[in-house]
Amino acid sequence: MNPLKKILLFILTMVVINHGFAQVDSTGIEKVFGKKGAVQGNVYRITFPRFDLKVKVNDFPVAPGLALTSWIGFLQMGGETMMMGDLVMLDSEEPAVVAKLVSLNLGITAIHNHLVNEQPAIKFLHFSGSGDAIKLATDIKSVLAITGTPLAPPPAAPAMQPIDWSKVEAILGKSGKHNGKLLQYSFPRKERLTESGMEMPPAIGMATGINFQMEGDKTGITGDFVLLASEVKAVVKALTESGIAVTAIHNHMLFDDPRLFMLHFWAVDEPGKLATGLKAALSQTNSKM
């Protein structure tokens, strides 16, 4: 190898080590879980919808993809893997999950609600860990196993007519992801976001997520805004004035910089009205729209 190529290879290697741009080797992770995840940038993300649960908010049935999906993200950081994610639990499952995470020396960074008035009651637990990717995957699988979370893929959804989301997409200014009765959006922030000094990409939970669910003649929305402290008041005002309930404001991490707050919301209404309210709230944030 000529000297110039050696220098370029060294520079590339140092970039990977210092900034975590390497891709996690997902083959072993997939063997642990027995299912495939998805690559989003340099994040390998695998999801576990709680399709075992039948949850309603008042009389609105909550689809697993709307607000009831556990996720686990793996991010290569130099010589080790970082894991972060969010577990969906029944209240009755929470004590055993916490005890298991503690026994495995995995971090618990938040436990809280996302919804209000849901039956049965649901809690969400955010966790973190670092080390060998296969051990991390094996450990978190053992946590999932003490809950009712189905580890197998969900049954195939029945065929349905495509839903016309064009009005919502026109208001929000871009196309979302169409997923059966759901329309899903992700709006990354413009800042460089870090946790313990490590850059956190949008796919590791650092983007505002918005989900719509069409249910007959009703549309439900939920998700979470990723906010700076200076944005919280304005976003609460915009949502509230649009008839969208703010259901929680809290942290997801412990050593984030800048300090971030996650704001969760819920409403059932006409889809265009909901999209207009969400657009007004998004305009109060430093997000890529």
Protein backbone atom coordinates (compact mmCIF):
# COMPACT_ATOMS: atom_id res chain seq x y z
CA MET A 1 0.00 0.00 0.00
CA ASN A 2 1.41 3.39 -0.96
CA PRO A 3 2.03 6.00 1.81
CA LEU A 4 -0.95 8.18 0.81
CA LYS A 5 -3.39 5.27 1.08
CA LYS A 6 -1.93 4.34 4.46
CA ILE A 7 -2.49 7.90 5.71
CA LEU A 8 -6.08 7.95 4.40
CA LEU A 9 -6.82 4.57 6.01
CA PHE A 10 -5.42 5.81 9.33
CA ILE A 11 -7.57 8.96 9.20
CA LEU A 12 -10.70 6.93 8.39
CA THR A 13 -9.96 4.53 11.26
CA MET A 14 -9.56 7.40 13.72
CA VAL A 15 -12.84 8.96 12.54
CA VAL A 16 -14.64 5.69 13.20
CA ILE A 17 -13.06 5.30 16.63
CA ASN A 18 -13.65 8.88 17.72
CA HIS A 19 -17.09 9.48 16.24
CA GLY A 20 -18.73 6.06 16.11
CA PHE A 21 -19.49 5.99 12.38
CA ALA A 22 -18.89 2.22 12.11
CA GLN A 23 -21.92 0.01 11.54
CA VAL A 24 -22.84 -2.59 14.17
CA ASP A 25 -22.44 -6.18 12.93
CA SER A 26 -26.09 -7.18 13.11
CA THR A 27 -25.73 -10.86 12.18
CA GLY A 28 -25.13 -12.04 15.73
CA ILE A 29 -27.83 -9.75 17.12
CA GLU A 30 -30.37 -11.20 14.69
CA LYS A 31 -29.46 -14.73 15.82
CA VAL A 32 -30.05 -13.78 19.45
CA PHE A 33 -33.52 -12.34 18.79
CA GLY A 34 -34.51 -14.72 15.99
CA LYS A 35 -35.72 -11.85 13.83
CA LYS A 36 -34.33 -9.07 11.70
CA GLY A 37 -34.17 -5.40 12.61
CA ALA A 38 -33.53 -2.41 10.39
CA VAL A 39 -30.51 -0.23 9.71
CA GLN A 40 -31.19 3.48 10.10
CA GLY A 41 -27.99 5.42 9.40
CA ASN A 42 -25.41 3.88 11.73
CA VAL A 43 -28.05 2.57 14.15
CA TYR A 44 -29.31 -1.01 14.11
CA ARG A 45 -32.84 -0.97 15.52
CA ILE A 46 -35.15 -3.86 16.33
CA THR A 47 -38.76 -3.55 17.48
CA PHE A 48 -41.19 -5.67 19.48
CA PRO A 49 -44.84 -4.55 19.15
CA ARG A 50 -47.02 -5.44 22.15
CA PHE A 51 -49.73 -7.04 20.00
CA ASP A 52 -50.53 -9.24 22.99
CA LEU A 53 -52.19 -6.24 24.66
CA LYS A 54 -55.61 -4.76 23.96
CA VAL A 55 -55.31 -1.15 25.12
CA LYS A 56 -57.87 1.62 24.84
CA VAL A 57 -57.69 5.32 25.65
CA ASN A 58 -61.30 6.06 26.54
CA ASP A 59 -63.06 4.31 23.63
CA PHE A 60 -60.19 4.53 21.11
CA PRO A 61 -58.29 1.24 20.49
CA VAL A 62 -54.53 1.84 20.47
CA ALA A 63 -52.70 -0.06 17.74
CA PRO A 64 -49.29 -1.49 18.74
CA GLY A 65 -47.56 0.73 16.17
CA LEU A 66 -49.25 3.86 17.49
CA ALA A 67 -47.87 3.77 21.03
CA LEU A 68 -47.17 0.21 22.20
CA THR A 69 -43.90 -0.90 20.60
CA SER A 70 -40.73 -1.70 22.54
CA TRP A 71 -37.55 -0.87 20.63
CA ILE A 72 -33.85 -1.55 21.06
CA GLY A 73 -31.14 0.42 19.28
CA PHE A 74 -27.47 -0.60 18.85
CA LEU A 75 -24.80 1.91 17.94
CA GLN A 76 -21.12 1.15 17.40
CA MET A 77 -18.88 3.50 19.38
CA GLY A 78 -15.23 2.75 18.69
CA GLY A 79 -14.38 -0.66 20.16
CA GLU A 80 -17.71 -1.26 21.89
CA THR A 81 -21.43 -1.17 21.25
CA MET A 82 -23.88 1.21 22.91
CA MET A 83 -27.46 0.03 23.46
CA MET A 84 -30.48 2.22 24.20
CA GLY A 85 -34.18 1.65 24.01
CA ASP A 86 -37.68 1.81 25.43
CA LEU A 87 -39.69 -1.07 26.92
CA VAL A 88 -43.50 -1.12 26.97
CA MET A 89 -44.77 -2.73 30.18
CA LEU A 90 -47.93 -3.39 32.10
CA ASP A 91 -47.82 -1.89 35.57
CA SER A 92 -47.71 -5.44 36.93
CA GLU A 93 -44.57 -6.22 34.87
CA GLU A 94 -42.56 -3.17 35.96
CA PRO A 95 -41.05 -4.41 39.28
CA ALA A 96 -39.64 -7.60 37.76
CA VAL A 97 -38.25 -5.70 34.75
CA VAL A 98 -36.45 -3.21 36.99
CA ALA A 99 -35.00 -5.99 39.17
CA LYS A 100 -33.78 -7.89 36.11
CA LEU A 101 -32.11 -4.82 34.58
CA VAL A 102 -30.37 -4.09 37.89
CA SER A 103 -29.12 -7.68 38.13
CA LEU A 104 -27.66 -7.38 34.61
CA ASN A 105 -25.98 -4.05 35.44
CA LEU A 106 -27.92 -2.27 32.71
CA GLY A 107 -28.85 1.37 33.22
CA ILE A 108 -32.40 2.58 33.84
CA THR A 109 -32.69 6.18 32.67
CA ALA A 110 -36.44 6.80 32.95
CA ILE A 111 -39.75 5.16 33.94
CA HIS A 112 -42.94 7.02 33.09
CA ASN A 113 -46.23 7.20 31.25
CA HIS A 114 -46.80 8.26 27.66
CA LEU A 115 -50.61 8.06 27.73
CA VAL A 116 -53.34 8.98 30.19
CA ASN A 117 -56.66 7.22 30.86
CA GLU A 118 -55.45 4.09 29.09
CA GLN A 119 -56.76 0.69 30.13
CA PRO A 120 -54.90 -1.39 31.12
CA ALA A 121 -52.30 0.99 32.60
CA ILE A 122 -49.01 1.06 30.67
CA LYS A 123 -45.54 2.26 31.68
CA PHE A 124 -42.47 2.92 29.54
CA LEU A 125 -38.93 2.21 30.71
CA HIS A 126 -35.83 3.63 29.03
CA PHE A 127 -32.61 1.69 29.43
CA SER A 128 -28.97 1.86 28.36
CA GLY A 129 -25.87 -0.29 28.30
CA SER A 130 -22.50 -0.61 26.63
CA GLY A 131 -20.09 -3.43 25.85
CA ASP A 132 -20.20 -6.48 23.61
CA ALA A 133 -23.15 -6.39 21.20
CA ILE A 134 -24.06 -10.07 21.56
CA LYS A 135 -24.02 -9.96 25.35
CA LEU A 136 -26.12 -6.80 25.36
CA ALA A 137 -28.66 -8.40 23.00
CA THR A 138 -28.75 -11.58 25.09
CA ASP A 139 -29.24 -9.62 28.30
CA ILE A 140 -32.07 -7.45 27.02
CA LYS A 141 -33.79 -10.47 25.46
CA SER A 142 -33.85 -12.05 28.93
CA VAL A 143 -35.58 -8.88 30.18
CA LEU A 144 -38.19 -9.07 27.44
CA ALA A 145 -38.76 -12.73 28.33
CA ILE A 146 -40.10 -11.90 31.80
CA THR A 147 -42.85 -9.76 30.23
CA GLY A 148 -45.65 -10.79 27.93
CA THR A 149 -43.85 -9.21 24.97
CA PRO A 150 -44.19 -11.47 21.91
CA LEU A 151 -40.73 -12.25 20.53
CA ALA A 152 -42.12 -13.64 17.27
CA PRO A 153 -43.21 -11.33 14.44
CA PRO A 154 -46.82 -10.13 14.58
CA PRO A 155 -49.43 -11.97 12.51
CA ALA A 156 -49.98 -10.64 9.02
CA ALA A 157 -52.45 -7.78 8.98
CA PRO A 158 -55.60 -8.28 6.89
CA ALA A 159 -55.68 -6.51 3.55
CA MET A 160 -57.23 -3.07 3.70
CA GLN A 161 -57.92 -0.17 1.39
CA PRO A 162 -55.13 2.44 1.35
CA ILE A 163 -55.91 5.43 3.57
CA ASP A 164 -55.84 8.88 2.01
CA TRP A 165 -53.42 10.89 4.15
CA SER A 166 -52.83 13.55 1.48
CA LYS A 167 -54.36 16.38 3.53
CA VAL A 168 -52.15 15.60 6.54
CA GLU A 169 -49.05 15.28 4.36
CA ALA A 170 -49.78 18.59 2.64
CA ILE A 171 -50.10 20.36 5.99
CA LEU A 172 -46.94 18.82 7.45
CA GLY A 173 -45.04 19.49 4.24
CA LYS A 174 -43.72 16.01 3.54
CA SER A 175 -44.76 12.40 3.10
CA GLY A 176 -44.87 10.12 6.11
CA LYS A 177 -44.42 6.36 6.36
CA HIS A 178 -47.64 4.52 5.50
CA ASN A 179 -48.07 1.42 7.66
CA GLY A 180 -51.54 -0.10 7.44
CA LYS A 181 -53.88 2.19 9.38
CA LEU A 182 -50.91 4.27 10.57
CA LEU A 183 -49.07 7.30 9.23
CA GLN A 184 -45.71 7.85 10.93
CA TYR A 185 -43.30 10.79 10.97
CA SER A 186 -39.84 11.51 12.31
CA PHE A 187 -38.47 15.07 12.58
CA PRO A 188 -34.76 15.19 13.59
CA ARG A 189 -33.36 18.19 15.43
CA LYS A 190 -30.75 20.45 13.84
CA GLU A 191 -28.33 20.46 16.80
CA ARG A 192 -25.59 17.97 17.52
CA LEU A 193 -27.00 15.89 20.39
CA THR A 194 -24.78 13.90 22.73
CA GLU A 195 -25.05 11.53 25.68
CA SER A 196 -21.96 11.20 27.89
CA GLY A 197 -20.06 13.03 25.15
CA MET A 198 -21.08 10.60 22.39
CA GLU A 199 -23.06 11.88 19.42
CA MET A 200 -26.59 10.50 19.30
CA PRO A 201 -28.13 10.11 15.82
CA PRO A 202 -31.88 10.62 15.26
CA ALA A 203 -32.64 6.88 15.01
CA ILE A 204 -31.55 6.25 18.62
CA GLY A 205 -34.60 8.18 19.88
CA MET A 206 -33.37 11.72 19.20
CA ALA A 207 -36.06 12.78 16.71
CA THR A 208 -39.59 14.03 17.31
CA GLY A 209 -41.91 11.13 16.46
CA ILE A 210 -45.53 11.64 15.41
CA ASN A 211 -47.99 8.82 14.72
CA PHE A 212 -51.51 9.00 13.27
CA GLN A 213 -53.98 6.10 13.46
CA MET A 214 -57.17 6.00 11.40
CA GLU A 215 -59.92 4.08 13.18
CA GLY A 216 -63.23 4.22 11.32
CA ASP A 217 -64.20 7.89 11.13
CA LYS A 218 -61.79 8.86 13.95
CA THR A 219 -58.09 9.66 13.89
CA GLY A 220 -55.87 9.36 16.96
CA ILE A 221 -52.41 10.89 17.36
CA THR A 222 -49.59 10.38 19.80
CA GLY A 223 -45.80 10.58 19.90
CA ASP A 224 -43.11 12.63 21.55
CA PHE A 225 -41.45 15.96 20.90
CA VAL A 226 -37.70 16.21 21.58
CA LEU A 227 -37.26 19.66 23.08
CA LEU A 228 -34.82 22.09 24.60
CA ALA A 229 -35.95 23.60 27.90
CA SER A 230 -36.51 26.94 26.18
CA GLU A 231 -39.02 25.34 23.76
CA VAL A 232 -41.23 23.47 26.24
CA LYS A 233 -43.58 26.32 27.18
CA ALA A 234 -44.25 27.36 23.57
CA VAL A 235 -44.91 23.79 22.43
CA VAL A 236 -47.29 23.14 25.35
CA LYS A 237 -49.17 26.33 24.44
CA ALA A 238 -49.40 25.46 20.73
CA LEU A 239 -50.66 21.94 21.40
CA THR A 240 -53.13 22.95 24.09
CA GLU A 241 -54.61 25.74 22.00
CA SER A 242 -55.11 23.19 19.20
CA GLY A 243 -57.03 20.79 21.45
CA ILE A 244 -54.14 18.33 21.74
CA ALA A 245 -53.55 17.07 25.28
CA VAL A 246 -50.03 17.11 26.72
CA THR A 247 -49.75 13.79 28.60
CA ALA A 248 -46.17 13.84 29.91
CA ILE A 249 -42.97 15.92 30.01
CA HIS A 250 -39.82 14.15 31.15
CA ASN A 251 -36.28 13.02 30.37
CA HIS A 252 -35.18 9.89 28.51
CA MET A 253 -31.45 10.16 29.29
CA LEU A 254 -29.20 11.20 32.18
CA PHE A 255 -26.10 12.86 30.70
CA ASP A 256 -27.46 14.49 27.54
CA ASP A 257 -26.06 17.72 26.12
CA PRO A 258 -27.90 19.89 25.39
CA ARG A 259 -30.40 18.92 28.07
CA LEU A 260 -33.47 17.44 26.37
CA PHE A 261 -37.07 17.07 27.45
CA MET A 262 -39.53 14.64 25.85
CA LEU A 263 -43.11 15.82 25.58
CA HIS A 264 -45.85 13.28 24.87
CA PHE A 265 -49.31 14.11 23.53
CA TRP A 266 -52.68 12.60 22.64
CA ALA A 267 -55.80 13.62 20.73
CA VAL A 268 -58.62 12.14 18.69
CA ASP A 269 -60.11 14.42 16.05
CA GLU A 270 -60.30 15.23 12.34
CA PRO A 271 -56.89 14.49 10.76
CA GLY A 272 -56.45 17.90 9.10
CA LYS A 273 -57.16 19.72 12.36
CA LEU A 274 -54.69 17.48 14.22
CA ALA A 275 -51.99 18.03 11.58
CA THR A 276 -52.47 21.80 11.78
CA GLY A 277 -52.00 21.74 15.55
CA LEU A 278 -48.89 19.58 15.29
CA LYS A 279 -47.46 21.85 12.59
CA ALA A 280 -47.93 24.85 14.89
CA ALA A 281 -46.07 23.03 17.69
CA LEU A 282 -43.27 21.86 15.40
CA SER A 283 -42.73 25.44 14.24
CA GLN A 284 -41.73 26.30 17.82
CA THR A 285 -38.80 23.86 17.67
CA ASN A 286 -35.41 23.78 15.97
CA SER A 287 -36.38 20.70 13.96
CA LYS A 288 -35.76 19.68 10.36
CA MET A 289 -39.17 19.89 8.73
